[in-house]
Amino acid sequence: MTDFIPAPTFAPVIVTPADREGTTMLLHEALARSRQREAEQAAREYALARSLNAGHRWAVLARFATRRAERARAGVRARGAVAGLRSAV
């Protein structure tokens, strides 16, 4: 007997592509893509917040305009009533 032990044979390792283009994605590419997705999500959330804030501001402005128009109508009615009394005299 000999002390020789044959080296084990390994099956070839098959690397499957990690993305649709058929190339494996490198770590920095994966990080860049992740940062891009996070930036897009932040932009969507910011746009939604701006839209909600704008809606709130328009609602406040509409309430102000409604109150101002009502005061103007009340003033016209009051002046009309006073003018009506004067013409009757």
Protein backbone atom coordinates (compact mmCIF):
# COMPACT_ATOMS: atom_id res chain seq x y z
CA MET A 1 0.00 0.00 0.00
CA THR A 2 1.02 3.54 -0.66
CA ASP A 3 0.26 6.73 1.19
CA PHE A 4 -0.85 8.40 -2.03
CA ILE A 5 -4.39 9.72 -1.92
CA PRO A 6 -5.71 10.94 -5.26
CA ALA A 7 -7.01 14.52 -5.33
CA PRO A 8 -10.79 14.75 -5.29
CA THR A 9 -12.42 15.76 -8.53
CA PHE A 10 -14.96 18.55 -8.41
CA ALA A 11 -17.82 19.15 -10.77
CA PRO A 12 -17.55 22.46 -12.61
CA VAL A 13 -19.42 25.29 -10.91
CA ILE A 14 -22.06 26.81 -13.15
CA VAL A 15 -22.77 30.47 -12.44
CA THR A 16 -26.28 31.52 -13.26
CA PRO A 17 -26.89 35.14 -14.26
CA ALA A 18 -28.27 37.33 -11.49
CA ASP A 19 -30.15 39.68 -13.75
CA ARG A 20 -32.01 39.67 -17.05
CA GLU A 21 -29.11 40.89 -19.19
CA GLY A 22 -27.23 37.66 -18.68
CA THR A 23 -24.34 39.11 -16.67
CA THR A 24 -23.76 38.80 -12.99
CA MET A 25 -24.42 41.97 -11.05
CA LEU A 26 -21.48 43.36 -9.16
CA LEU A 27 -21.86 44.57 -5.60
CA HIS A 28 -21.46 48.26 -6.39
CA GLU A 29 -24.08 47.97 -9.14
CA ALA A 30 -26.51 46.35 -6.72
CA LEU A 31 -25.89 49.11 -4.17
CA ALA A 32 -26.32 51.80 -6.80
CA ARG A 33 -29.60 50.26 -7.95
CA SER A 34 -30.78 50.03 -4.35
CA ARG A 35 -29.92 53.70 -3.73
CA GLN A 36 -31.73 54.64 -6.95
CA ARG A 37 -34.88 52.80 -5.81
CA GLU A 38 -34.70 54.49 -2.41
CA ALA A 39 -34.31 57.90 -4.05
CA GLU A 40 -37.30 57.25 -6.32
CA GLN A 41 -39.41 56.16 -3.33
CA ALA A 42 -38.39 59.28 -1.40
CA ALA A 43 -39.32 61.43 -4.42
CA ARG A 44 -42.76 59.77 -4.63
CA GLU A 45 -43.35 60.35 -0.90
CA TYR A 46 -42.20 63.98 -1.21
CA ALA A 47 -44.52 64.57 -4.17
CA LEU A 48 -47.44 63.07 -2.23
CA ALA A 49 -46.68 65.26 0.79
CA ARG A 50 -46.50 68.37 -1.42
CA SER A 51 -49.80 67.45 -3.05
CA LEU A 52 -51.52 66.97 0.31
CA ASN A 53 -50.04 70.22 1.62
CA ALA A 54 -51.19 72.10 -1.49
CA GLY A 55 -54.69 70.67 -1.09
CA HIS A 56 -54.78 71.83 2.51
CA ARG A 57 -53.61 75.34 1.53
CA TRP A 58 -56.29 75.58 -1.20
CA ALA A 59 -58.95 74.47 1.28
CA VAL A 60 -57.85 77.18 3.75
CA LEU A 61 -57.91 79.76 0.96
CA ALA A 62 -61.39 78.61 -0.13
CA ARG A 63 -62.72 78.96 3.43
CA PHE A 64 -61.23 82.45 3.66
CA ALA A 65 -62.77 83.44 0.31
CA THR A 66 -66.16 82.04 1.39
CA ARG A 67 -66.10 84.03 4.65
CA ARG A 68 -65.03 87.19 2.84
CA ALA A 69 -67.76 86.80 0.20
CA GLU A 70 -70.36 86.23 2.92
CA ARG A 71 -69.25 89.39 4.74
CA ALA A 72 -69.44 91.31 1.45
CA ARG A 73 -72.97 90.00 0.79
CA ALA A 74 -74.05 90.89 4.32
CA GLY A 75 -72.65 94.39 3.84
CA VAL A 76 -74.50 94.84 0.55
CA ARG A 77 -77.75 93.62 2.14
CA ALA A 78 -77.30 95.98 5.08
CA ARG A 79 -76.62 98.95 2.79
CA GLY A 80 -79.59 97.97 0.64
CA ALA A 81 -81.86 97.80 3.68
CA VAL A 82 -80.71 101.22 4.87
CA ALA A 83 -81.15 102.65 1.37
CA GLY A 84 -84.63 101.14 1.20
CA LEU A 85 -85.59 102.84 4.47
CA ARG A 86 -84.34 106.20 3.23
CA SER A 87 -86.29 105.97 -0.03
CA ALA A 88 -89.46 105.18 1.87
CA VAL A 89 -89.18 108.35 3.93
